[in-house]
């Protein structure tokens, strides 16, 4: 089978909210911290020679900042809200506590058990994120001249997108781990996706 498109999917670099264990979803538009900037520079250093035809990011600036050096090269760039993080509703901006961790465990367990319409008040369910991701990836795939694409997005959203692309139930989302700037590479053959690189942090080896 011939590869029709190669898609690099990375999570954004670290923010202070990531560092401090504060809930950060679609509703918080935070900046990278110094560690996150260094992570993005390390990613660029390793992958700057890849001939990306297009960069897609979410609408949140932590993804823009992560991809900034690629964008500065003049590579075409587009923001799609379909790649935004899941909205954590009333939990956004809250510091992790034992009660919050227990609430999250209950929520994640419910998703793993197939209850994919469950959501936090004022937040989004996996099925709602899936719907907007479906539109976004359909848009990306329609651009057949874009053979090599970089998508910078968010942790929970990446888990859901990988389920979508690999035709797995969304309840399997936790099969796909992620860290700040971790990389997945997928090959698209016209009717199916296949993972080539799984959650790589090779660019951060020796990183301090």
Protein backbone atom coordinates (compact mmCIF):
# COMPACT_ATOMS: atom_id res chain seq x y z
CA UNK A 1 0.00 0.00 0.00
CA UNK A 2 1.15 3.49 -0.80
CA UNK A 3 1.27 6.12 1.92
CA UNK A 4 -0.95 9.03 0.96
CA UNK A 5 -0.25 11.21 3.96
CA UNK A 6 2.08 11.18 6.95
CA UNK A 7 0.81 12.95 10.05
CA UNK A 8 3.02 13.98 12.97
CA UNK A 9 0.95 14.64 16.10
CA UNK A 10 2.60 16.30 19.09
CA UNK A 11 1.32 17.50 22.42
CA UNK A 12 2.16 21.10 23.34
CA UNK A 13 5.05 21.94 25.65
CA UNK A 14 4.78 22.42 29.38
CA UNK A 15 2.84 25.29 30.95
CA UNK A 16 2.94 26.42 34.56
CA UNK A 17 -0.46 24.84 35.03
CA UNK A 18 0.88 21.49 33.83
CA UNK A 19 3.79 21.87 36.23
CA UNK A 20 1.59 22.78 39.18
CA UNK A 21 -1.09 20.13 38.57
CA UNK A 22 -3.82 22.64 37.79
CA UNK A 23 -6.67 21.53 35.54
CA UNK A 24 -6.19 23.05 32.09
CA UNK A 25 -8.52 22.34 29.20
CA UNK A 26 -10.12 24.21 26.37
CA UNK A 27 -11.21 26.99 28.69
CA UNK A 28 -7.73 28.18 29.70
CA UNK A 29 -5.48 29.81 27.12
CA UNK A 30 -2.13 29.54 28.91
CA UNK A 31 1.40 30.21 27.70
CA UNK A 32 4.32 27.81 27.65
CA UNK A 33 6.71 28.19 30.56
CA UNK A 34 10.49 28.16 30.14
CA UNK A 35 10.58 24.36 30.24
CA UNK A 36 7.88 24.20 27.58
CA UNK A 37 9.78 26.61 25.36
CA UNK A 38 12.94 24.51 25.75
CA UNK A 39 10.98 21.34 24.93
CA UNK A 40 9.61 22.91 21.77
CA UNK A 41 13.11 24.01 20.74
CA UNK A 42 14.40 20.48 21.29
CA UNK A 43 11.59 19.12 19.13
CA UNK A 44 12.37 21.63 16.40
CA UNK A 45 16.08 20.81 16.52
CA UNK A 46 15.37 17.14 15.81
CA UNK A 47 12.58 17.53 13.25
CA UNK A 48 13.37 20.81 11.48
CA UNK A 49 14.52 18.99 8.34
CA UNK A 50 11.14 17.28 7.85
CA UNK A 51 9.49 18.84 4.79
CA UNK A 52 6.14 19.66 6.36
CA UNK A 53 3.59 20.88 3.84
CA UNK A 54 1.26 22.24 6.50
CA UNK A 55 1.05 22.89 10.22
CA UNK A 56 -2.25 22.56 12.04
CA UNK A 57 -2.72 23.63 15.65
CA UNK A 58 -5.59 24.09 18.03
CA UNK A 59 -6.84 27.63 18.62
CA UNK A 60 -4.99 27.77 21.97
CA UNK A 61 -1.69 29.62 22.08
CA UNK A 62 0.27 26.92 23.89
CA UNK A 63 0.11 24.93 20.65
CA UNK A 64 1.03 27.98 18.55
CA UNK A 65 4.07 28.58 20.74
CA UNK A 66 5.13 24.94 20.53
CA UNK A 67 5.09 25.03 16.73
CA UNK A 68 6.43 28.60 16.51
CA UNK A 69 9.83 27.77 15.02
CA UNK A 70 8.24 25.70 12.25
CA UNK A 71 5.76 28.48 11.55
CA UNK A 72 8.65 30.99 11.44
CA UNK A 73 10.15 28.98 8.56
CA UNK A 74 7.18 30.05 6.48
CA UNK A 75 5.34 26.72 6.52
CA UNK A 76 1.62 27.19 5.96
CA UNK A 77 -0.27 27.20 9.27
CA UNK A 78 -3.93 26.87 10.14
CA UNK A 79 -5.79 26.78 13.45
CA UNK A 80 -8.70 24.35 13.82
CA UNK A 81 -10.95 24.36 16.87
CA UNK A 82 -11.48 20.66 16.30
CA UNK A 83 -7.99 20.14 17.72
CA UNK A 84 -8.70 22.08 20.93
CA UNK A 85 -8.42 20.26 24.24
CA UNK A 86 -11.48 18.75 25.89
CA UNK A 87 -13.23 21.36 28.03
CA UNK A 88 -13.05 20.42 31.71
CA UNK A 89 -15.86 22.80 32.65
CA UNK A 90 -16.10 23.90 36.26
CA UNK A 91 -12.82 22.10 37.06
CA UNK A 92 -10.77 24.40 34.82
CA UNK A 93 -8.17 26.30 36.81
CA UNK A 94 -8.61 24.19 39.95
CA UNK A 95 -5.63 22.79 41.83
CA UNK A 96 -5.42 19.03 42.23
CA UNK A 97 -6.75 17.83 45.59
CA UNK A 98 -7.60 14.33 46.85
CA UNK A 99 -11.29 15.02 46.18
CA UNK A 100 -10.62 16.35 42.68
CA UNK A 101 -8.43 13.34 41.88
CA UNK A 102 -11.18 11.03 43.06
CA UNK A 103 -13.75 12.89 40.95
CA UNK A 104 -11.49 12.59 37.92
CA UNK A 105 -10.97 8.87 38.55
CA UNK A 106 -14.73 8.35 38.58
CA UNK A 107 -15.05 10.33 35.35
CA UNK A 108 -12.23 8.50 33.54
CA UNK A 109 -13.54 5.13 34.74
CA UNK A 110 -16.99 5.96 33.39
CA UNK A 111 -15.47 6.76 29.98
CA UNK A 112 -13.46 3.52 30.04
CA UNK A 113 -16.72 1.68 30.70
CA UNK A 114 -18.33 3.20 27.62
CA UNK A 115 -20.30 6.06 29.14
CA UNK A 116 -19.01 8.55 26.59
CA UNK A 117 -21.68 11.23 27.01
CA UNK A 118 -20.69 11.80 30.64
CA UNK A 119 -19.07 15.19 31.26
CA UNK A 120 -18.23 17.71 33.93
CA UNK A 121 -20.65 20.59 34.36
CA UNK A 122 -20.03 23.16 31.60
CA UNK A 123 -17.49 20.79 30.04
CA UNK A 124 -17.40 18.45 27.07
CA UNK A 125 -17.95 14.72 26.74
CA UNK A 126 -15.71 12.46 24.64
CA UNK A 127 -18.51 12.14 22.09
CA UNK A 128 -18.72 15.92 21.74
CA UNK A 129 -14.96 16.21 21.21
CA UNK A 130 -15.11 13.33 18.72
CA UNK A 131 -17.68 15.23 16.65
CA UNK A 132 -15.50 18.31 16.25
CA UNK A 133 -12.36 16.23 15.72
CA UNK A 134 -14.11 14.31 12.95
CA UNK A 135 -14.76 17.57 11.09
CA UNK A 136 -11.17 18.70 11.61
CA UNK A 137 -9.52 15.51 10.38
CA UNK A 138 -11.87 15.32 7.39
CA UNK A 139 -10.74 18.84 6.51
CA UNK A 140 -7.06 17.83 6.78
CA UNK A 141 -7.55 14.73 4.64
CA UNK A 142 -9.32 16.69 1.91
CA UNK A 143 -6.08 18.58 1.25
CA UNK A 144 -4.48 15.80 -0.77
CA UNK A 145 -1.51 17.97 -1.78
CA UNK A 146 -0.43 18.15 1.87
CA UNK A 147 1.58 14.94 2.07
CA UNK A 148 3.40 15.58 5.35
CA UNK A 149 1.54 17.37 8.12
CA UNK A 150 2.35 18.47 11.68
CA UNK A 151 -0.55 18.72 14.14
CA UNK A 152 0.11 20.27 17.55
CA UNK A 153 -2.67 19.74 20.07
CA UNK A 154 -3.44 18.50 23.59
CA UNK A 155 -3.17 15.40 25.75
CA UNK A 156 -6.73 14.18 26.22
CA UNK A 157 -7.62 15.35 22.73
CA UNK A 158 -4.74 13.30 21.28
CA UNK A 159 -6.04 10.19 23.01
CA UNK A 160 -9.46 10.72 21.47
CA UNK A 161 -8.09 11.57 18.02
CA UNK A 162 -5.97 8.42 17.93
CA UNK A 163 -9.06 6.34 18.70
CA UNK A 164 -10.85 8.09 15.85
CA UNK A 165 -8.02 7.59 13.35
CA UNK A 166 -7.37 3.96 14.31
CA UNK A 167 -11.10 3.14 14.44
CA UNK A 168 -10.95 2.14 18.08
CA UNK A 169 -13.77 2.73 20.58
CA UNK A 170 -13.29 5.99 22.47
CA UNK A 171 -13.42 3.93 25.65
CA UNK A 172 -9.90 2.73 24.68
CA UNK A 173 -8.46 6.25 24.86
CA UNK A 174 -6.14 5.50 27.76
CA UNK A 175 -4.17 3.10 25.55
CA UNK A 176 -2.37 6.20 24.29
CA UNK A 177 -0.06 7.83 26.86
CA UNK A 178 1.36 11.30 26.37
CA UNK A 179 3.78 13.79 27.88
CA UNK A 180 4.57 17.38 26.92
CA UNK A 181 5.85 17.41 23.29
CA UNK A 182 5.55 13.63 22.95
CA UNK A 183 5.16 12.53 19.34
CA UNK A 184 2.97 10.10 17.44
CA UNK A 185 3.52 9.56 13.72
CA UNK A 186 0.78 7.98 11.63
CA UNK A 187 0.72 6.89 8.00
CA UNK A 188 -2.52 7.24 6.05
CA UNK A 189 -3.16 4.80 3.22
CA UNK A 190 -6.42 6.22 1.90
CA UNK A 191 -8.71 4.00 3.92
CA UNK A 192 -6.79 3.37 7.12
CA UNK A 193 -4.19 4.82 9.50
CA UNK A 194 -1.25 2.97 10.98
CA UNK A 195 1.04 4.11 13.80
CA UNK A 196 4.71 4.38 12.81
CA UNK A 197 5.98 6.14 15.95
CA UNK A 198 4.32 5.66 19.36
CA UNK A 199 4.64 8.35 22.02
CA UNK A 200 8.26 9.25 21.28
CA UNK A 201 10.30 11.59 23.47
CA UNK A 202 13.55 10.93 21.64
CA UNK A 203 14.08 14.65 21.13
CA UNK A 204 14.17 15.14 24.91
CA UNK A 205 16.89 12.58 25.60
CA UNK A 206 19.44 14.30 27.81
CA UNK A 207 17.00 17.19 28.29
CA UNK A 208 17.32 19.19 31.50
